[in-house]
């Protein structure tokens, strides 16, 4: 992409993040319950609740609260947790490695399993391979991720004791130990995405094979392997990359349920606890981080798309 196009997309991403921050702050004000009452307890007097609201700044006008929070974000400060008093940034930094590990490994599983399966099925339309891949893709999409996670825990962890059932081990404690803890949640999270990618890759390859320039190249005696490598795969990859970018954002959100099933203290667990405690700064920081990751993924997808499609680079 040209530098001007990159700057335009970055500017658009910043606008999206600002809108997300405004929408998140506004919607959280509609959540029933008062954090000050939760902190004070059921037996607290109204004066004590009012005192806590004043200490937390909840008695200030909403525009003033939003302006203070937004000003902190610009300076790299996401605020302070209402219940623990810890900086939101520190809480997110502690929880993020587990969630990002699960998401990245799930994405790798989806790409390694789904894309080759879809390409082979598209190249062999109507064969038993095509029918098998289509059937498995349908089953993979239909199976809920939390059910797959419980099944894997039951078989691999409790049945054969091959992998730990719960918990997370940082990669600093050893790659093998880290991988043993993330393989079950990542597999449960990535199978549905692999099935989606397989279906899209199969359809894209089938569509490219029907294009006139492919038929012309075949008529001229082009070698099938050369044709697939230089024309079919490159052109079929363009829509698959777009779908992959969308699925990456979905994986980040889907990790919440998987973390609860596998007992992992990641961003999903952090967000669930924040919802139960009405810890609005934690929730606002989590949503803003998720939005920032999605924006970055879209920027990367745009870059890959322009590399695969010369028309985008020259437009």
Protein backbone atom coordinates (compact mmCIF):
# COMPACT_ATOMS: atom_id res chain seq x y z
CA UNK A 1 0.00 0.00 0.00
CA UNK A 2 1.06 3.55 -0.59
CA UNK A 3 2.06 5.63 2.48
CA UNK A 4 -0.99 7.86 2.03
CA UNK A 5 -3.27 4.83 2.04
CA UNK A 6 -1.57 3.49 5.18
CA UNK A 7 -2.01 6.81 6.99
CA UNK A 8 -5.65 6.96 5.90
CA UNK A 9 -6.32 3.51 7.31
CA UNK A 10 -4.51 4.32 10.55
CA UNK A 11 -6.58 7.48 10.90
CA UNK A 12 -9.75 5.50 10.27
CA UNK A 13 -8.67 2.99 12.90
CA UNK A 14 -8.17 5.74 15.48
CA UNK A 15 -11.64 7.09 14.74
CA UNK A 16 -13.06 3.60 15.22
CA UNK A 17 -11.30 3.28 18.58
CA UNK A 18 -12.68 6.64 19.70
CA UNK A 19 -16.22 5.61 18.72
CA UNK A 20 -15.77 2.29 20.54
CA UNK A 21 -14.60 4.10 23.67
CA UNK A 22 -17.59 6.47 23.54
CA UNK A 23 -20.08 3.66 22.91
CA UNK A 24 -18.59 1.42 25.60
CA UNK A 25 -18.61 4.17 28.22
CA UNK A 26 -22.19 5.12 27.37
CA UNK A 27 -23.58 1.57 27.39
CA UNK A 28 -21.93 0.66 30.67
CA UNK A 29 -23.84 3.48 32.34
CA UNK A 30 -27.03 1.58 31.50
CA UNK A 31 -25.91 -1.55 33.36
CA UNK A 32 -28.09 -1.98 36.47
CA UNK A 33 -26.39 -1.82 39.83
CA UNK A 34 -24.17 0.68 41.60
CA UNK A 35 -20.49 -0.24 42.12
CA UNK A 36 -20.44 1.89 45.28
CA UNK A 37 -23.26 -0.18 46.80
CA UNK A 38 -21.45 -3.41 45.95
CA UNK A 39 -18.27 -2.18 47.59
CA UNK A 40 -20.05 -0.82 50.68
CA UNK A 41 -22.14 -3.95 51.23
CA UNK A 42 -25.82 -4.46 52.01
CA UNK A 43 -25.63 -3.08 55.56
CA UNK A 44 -23.88 0.18 54.64
CA UNK A 45 -25.58 3.47 55.28
CA UNK A 46 -26.53 5.85 52.45
CA UNK A 47 -23.88 8.25 53.71
CA UNK A 48 -21.19 5.57 53.32
CA UNK A 49 -22.37 4.75 49.80
CA UNK A 50 -22.30 8.45 48.90
CA UNK A 51 -18.79 8.74 50.32
CA UNK A 52 -17.57 5.83 48.18
CA UNK A 53 -19.20 7.31 45.08
CA UNK A 54 -17.37 10.57 45.76
CA UNK A 55 -14.04 8.79 46.27
CA UNK A 56 -14.47 6.90 43.00
CA UNK A 57 -15.58 10.00 41.12
CA UNK A 58 -18.93 8.43 40.24
CA UNK A 59 -20.80 11.51 41.46
CA UNK A 60 -19.31 13.67 38.72
CA UNK A 61 -21.24 14.37 35.49
CA UNK A 62 -20.86 11.65 32.87
CA UNK A 63 -19.16 13.93 30.30
CA UNK A 64 -16.55 14.85 32.91
CA UNK A 65 -15.97 11.18 33.77
CA UNK A 66 -15.57 10.30 30.09
CA UNK A 67 -13.22 13.22 29.45
CA UNK A 68 -11.02 12.16 32.37
CA UNK A 69 -10.93 8.54 31.18
CA UNK A 70 -10.20 9.51 27.58
CA UNK A 71 -7.45 11.86 28.68
CA UNK A 72 -5.85 9.03 30.62
CA UNK A 73 -6.03 6.72 27.59
CA UNK A 74 -4.15 9.27 25.48
CA UNK A 75 -1.41 9.20 28.13
CA UNK A 76 -1.40 5.39 28.29
CA UNK A 77 -3.46 5.15 31.48
CA UNK A 78 -6.60 3.00 31.27
CA UNK A 79 -7.72 3.88 34.77
CA UNK A 80 -7.85 2.05 38.07
CA UNK A 81 -9.90 -0.98 39.07
CA UNK A 82 -12.77 -0.03 41.37
CA UNK A 83 -12.47 -3.15 43.53
CA UNK A 84 -8.75 -3.98 43.65
CA UNK A 85 -7.33 -0.50 43.23
CA UNK A 86 -4.76 -1.86 40.76
CA UNK A 87 -4.12 -0.09 37.46
CA UNK A 88 -6.24 -1.51 34.66
CA UNK A 89 -3.15 -1.73 32.47
CA UNK A 90 -1.42 -4.03 34.98
CA UNK A 91 -4.48 -6.30 35.22
CA UNK A 92 -4.69 -6.58 31.43
CA UNK A 93 -0.96 -7.20 31.07
CA UNK A 94 -1.19 -10.07 33.58
CA UNK A 95 -4.17 -11.67 31.84
CA UNK A 96 -3.31 -11.00 28.18
CA UNK A 97 -0.55 -13.63 27.63
CA UNK A 98 -2.92 -16.54 28.32
CA UNK A 99 -5.64 -15.25 26.00
CA UNK A 100 -3.25 -14.25 23.23
CA UNK A 101 -1.50 -17.62 23.43
CA UNK A 102 -4.78 -19.49 23.04
CA UNK A 103 -5.92 -17.22 20.21
CA UNK A 104 -2.66 -17.33 18.23
CA UNK A 105 -2.31 -21.12 18.50
CA UNK A 106 -5.99 -21.53 17.56
CA UNK A 107 -5.42 -19.35 14.50
CA UNK A 108 -2.40 -21.43 13.49
CA UNK A 109 -4.40 -24.63 13.88
CA UNK A 110 -7.20 -23.17 11.77
CA UNK A 111 -4.84 -22.12 8.98
CA UNK A 112 -2.74 -25.31 8.96
CA UNK A 113 -5.80 -27.60 9.00
CA UNK A 114 -8.50 -25.62 7.21
CA UNK A 115 -6.74 -24.01 4.25
CA UNK A 116 -4.95 -27.12 2.87
CA UNK A 117 -8.10 -29.21 3.32
CA UNK A 118 -10.20 -26.66 1.45
CA UNK A 119 -7.64 -26.32 -1.35
CA UNK A 120 -7.43 -30.08 -1.88
CA UNK A 121 -11.22 -30.37 -1.85
CA UNK A 122 -11.51 -27.55 -4.39
CA UNK A 123 -8.96 -29.14 -6.70
CA UNK A 124 -10.77 -32.49 -6.55
CA UNK A 125 -14.39 -31.42 -6.87
CA UNK A 126 -16.89 -34.26 -6.66
CA UNK A 127 -14.35 -36.79 -5.35
CA UNK A 128 -14.53 -38.61 -2.05
CA UNK A 129 -11.95 -36.16 -0.69
CA UNK A 130 -14.25 -33.24 -1.52
CA UNK A 131 -17.26 -34.92 0.07
CA UNK A 132 -15.28 -35.87 3.20
CA UNK A 133 -13.91 -32.36 3.70
CA UNK A 134 -17.35 -30.83 3.19
CA UNK A 135 -18.88 -33.23 5.73
CA UNK A 136 -16.16 -32.61 8.32
CA UNK A 137 -16.42 -28.85 7.77
CA UNK A 138 -20.15 -28.95 8.40
CA UNK A 139 -19.65 -30.97 11.58
CA UNK A 140 -16.88 -28.63 12.75
CA UNK A 141 -19.05 -25.55 12.30
CA UNK A 142 -21.99 -27.19 14.09
CA UNK A 143 -20.05 -28.24 17.20
CA UNK A 144 -19.96 -25.59 19.96
CA UNK A 145 -16.46 -24.70 21.11
CA UNK A 146 -17.21 -25.19 24.81
CA UNK A 147 -18.55 -28.69 24.10
CA UNK A 148 -15.39 -29.59 22.16
CA UNK A 149 -13.28 -28.23 25.03
CA UNK A 150 -15.13 -30.37 27.60
CA UNK A 151 -14.81 -33.42 25.35
CA UNK A 152 -11.06 -32.90 24.91
CA UNK A 153 -10.61 -32.40 28.66
CA UNK A 154 -12.60 -35.57 29.35
CA UNK A 155 -10.62 -37.70 26.88
CA UNK A 156 -7.10 -36.26 26.75
CA UNK A 157 -6.78 -34.93 30.30
CA UNK A 158 -9.00 -37.07 32.52
CA UNK A 159 -9.10 -40.23 30.41
CA UNK A 160 -5.49 -40.65 29.22
CA UNK A 161 -3.75 -38.01 31.40
CA UNK A 162 -1.81 -36.80 28.37
CA UNK A 163 -2.46 -33.11 28.96
CA UNK A 164 -3.37 -30.94 31.97
CA UNK A 165 -7.09 -30.34 32.37
CA UNK A 166 -6.97 -26.75 33.59
CA UNK A 167 -4.63 -23.85 34.16
CA UNK A 168 -2.03 -21.98 32.15
CA UNK A 169 1.75 -22.05 32.19
CA UNK A 170 3.69 -19.04 30.83
CA UNK A 171 5.99 -19.68 27.91
CA UNK A 172 8.87 -18.55 30.10
CA UNK A 173 8.46 -21.74 32.15
CA UNK A 174 9.22 -23.84 29.08
CA UNK A 175 7.74 -24.19 25.61
CA UNK A 176 6.66 -27.76 26.20
CA UNK A 177 4.82 -26.93 29.42
CA UNK A 178 3.24 -23.87 27.80
CA UNK A 179 2.07 -25.85 24.77
CA UNK A 180 0.62 -28.64 26.91
CA UNK A 181 -1.65 -26.12 28.63
CA UNK A 182 -2.82 -24.28 25.50
CA UNK A 183 -3.33 -27.16 23.09
CA UNK A 184 -6.77 -28.19 24.41
CA UNK A 185 -8.37 -24.72 24.55
CA UNK A 186 -6.71 -23.72 21.27
CA UNK A 187 -7.93 -26.82 19.48
CA UNK A 188 -11.46 -26.36 20.80
CA UNK A 189 -11.37 -22.71 19.71
CA UNK A 190 -9.74 -23.27 16.33
CA UNK A 191 -11.72 -26.22 14.94
CA UNK A 192 -14.77 -24.16 13.96
CA UNK A 193 -12.53 -21.57 12.31
CA UNK A 194 -10.67 -24.33 10.46
CA UNK A 195 -14.01 -25.60 9.18
CA UNK A 196 -14.99 -22.10 8.01
CA UNK A 197 -11.66 -21.62 6.24
CA UNK A 198 -11.95 -25.03 4.59
CA UNK A 199 -15.37 -24.18 3.17
CA UNK A 200 -14.25 -20.78 1.91
CA UNK A 201 -10.99 -22.10 0.47
CA UNK A 202 -12.84 -24.90 -1.31
CA UNK A 203 -15.35 -22.48 -2.81
CA UNK A 204 -12.66 -19.98 -3.85
CA UNK A 205 -10.51 -22.62 -5.53
CA UNK A 206 -13.54 -24.02 -7.34
CA UNK A 207 -14.48 -20.53 -8.51
CA UNK A 208 -10.97 -19.73 -9.78
CA UNK A 209 -10.79 -23.02 -11.70
CA UNK A 210 -13.85 -21.93 -13.67
CA UNK A 211 -12.34 -18.62 -14.76
CA UNK A 212 -11.69 -18.13 -18.52
CA UNK A 213 -7.96 -17.49 -18.09
CA UNK A 214 -7.57 -20.85 -16.33
CA UNK A 215 -9.31 -22.66 -19.16
CA UNK A 216 -7.15 -20.78 -21.67
CA UNK A 217 -3.96 -21.74 -19.83
CA UNK A 218 -5.05 -25.37 -19.78
CA UNK A 219 -5.79 -25.28 -23.51
CA UNK A 220 -2.28 -23.97 -24.13
CA UNK A 221 -0.81 -26.93 -22.30
CA UNK A 222 0.18 -25.30 -19.00
CA UNK A 223 1.43 -27.81 -16.45
CA UNK A 224 -1.23 -28.41 -13.75
CA UNK A 225 1.22 -27.90 -10.86
CA UNK A 226 2.51 -24.63 -12.32
CA UNK A 227 -1.04 -23.49 -12.97
CA UNK A 228 -2.11 -24.16 -9.39
CA UNK A 229 0.95 -22.50 -7.84
CA UNK A 230 1.02 -19.36 -9.95
CA UNK A 231 -2.65 -18.68 -10.64
CA UNK A 232 -5.12 -20.74 -8.64
CA UNK A 233 -3.66 -20.41 -5.15
CA UNK A 234 -2.78 -16.72 -5.41
CA UNK A 235 -6.20 -15.66 -6.70
CA UNK A 236 -8.09 -17.97 -4.33
CA UNK A 237 -6.12 -16.64 -1.35
CA UNK A 238 -7.54 -13.10 -1.64
CA UNK A 239 -11.04 -13.80 -0.24
CA UNK A 240 -9.65 -16.41 2.17
CA UNK A 241 -7.37 -13.80 3.75
CA UNK A 242 -10.37 -11.51 4.25
CA UNK A 243 -12.31 -14.28 5.99
CA UNK A 244 -9.24 -15.12 8.08
CA UNK A 245 -9.08 -11.55 9.36
CA UNK A 246 -12.74 -11.65 10.38
CA UNK A 247 -12.30 -15.01 12.07
CA UNK A 248 -9.27 -13.76 14.03
CA UNK A 249 -11.46 -11.17 15.74
CA UNK A 250 -14.10 -13.81 16.44
CA UNK A 251 -11.49 -16.08 18.04
CA UNK A 252 -10.55 -13.36 20.50
CA UNK A 253 -14.16 -13.06 21.66
CA UNK A 254 -14.74 -16.81 21.64
CA UNK A 255 -11.86 -17.41 24.02
CA UNK A 256 -13.99 -16.11 26.92
CA UNK A 257 -16.10 -19.26 27.18
CA UNK A 258 -13.14 -21.56 26.51
CA UNK A 259 -11.16 -19.95 29.33
CA UNK A 260 -14.02 -20.56 31.74
CA UNK A 261 -14.23 -24.23 30.75
CA UNK A 262 -10.46 -24.80 31.00
CA UNK A 263 -9.96 -22.75 34.17
CA UNK A 264 -7.57 -20.23 32.61
CA UNK A 265 -7.18 -16.77 34.10
CA UNK A 266 -7.09 -14.76 30.89
CA UNK A 267 -8.79 -11.70 29.54
CA UNK A 268 -12.11 -13.55 29.31
CA UNK A 269 -12.07 -14.45 32.99
CA UNK A 270 -11.03 -10.89 33.80
CA UNK A 271 -13.97 -9.51 31.82
CA UNK A 272 -16.50 -11.91 33.39
CA UNK A 273 -15.38 -11.01 36.91
CA UNK A 274 -15.52 -7.32 36.02
CA UNK A 275 -19.11 -7.73 34.80
CA UNK A 276 -20.15 -9.46 38.01
CA UNK A 277 -18.47 -6.77 40.15
CA UNK A 278 -19.57 -3.80 38.00
CA UNK A 279 -15.88 -2.94 37.62
CA UNK A 280 -16.40 -0.52 34.74
CA UNK A 281 -12.75 0.57 34.26
CA UNK A 282 -11.68 -3.06 33.71
CA UNK A 283 -14.51 -3.63 31.23
CA UNK A 284 -13.75 -0.42 29.36
CA UNK A 285 -10.08 -1.34 29.13
CA UNK A 286 -10.87 -4.87 27.92
CA UNK A 287 -13.26 -3.69 25.20
CA UNK A 288 -10.83 -1.01 24.04
CA UNK A 289 -7.99 -3.53 23.87
CA UNK A 290 -10.13 -5.98 21.88
CA UNK A 291 -11.11 -3.21 19.47
CA UNK A 292 -7.48 -2.18 19.06
CA UNK A 293 -6.47 -5.76 18.24
CA UNK A 294 -9.25 -6.03 15.64
CA UNK A 295 -8.15 -2.72 14.07
CA UNK A 296 -4.55 -3.94 13.83
CA UNK A 297 -5.71 -7.24 12.29
CA UNK A 298 -7.70 -5.33 9.67
CA UNK A 299 -4.64 -3.23 8.83
CA UNK A 300 -2.57 -6.39 8.37
CA UNK A 301 -5.29 -7.94 6.21
CA UNK A 302 -5.37 -4.82 4.04
CA UNK A 303 -1.61 -5.04 3.59
CA UNK A 304 -1.71 -8.72 2.64
CA UNK A 305 -4.65 -8.10 0.34
CA UNK A 306 -2.78 -5.36 -1.52
CA UNK A 307 0.24 -7.65 -1.85
CA UNK A 308 -1.87 -10.44 -3.35
CA UNK A 309 -3.87 -8.14 -5.62
CA UNK A 310 -1.73 -5.76 -7.72
CA UNK A 311 -4.83 -3.74 -8.68
CA UNK A 312 -5.14 -2.56 -5.08
CA UNK A 313 -1.51 -1.39 -4.98
CA UNK A 314 -1.91 0.68 -8.13
CA UNK A 315 -5.33 2.14 -7.28
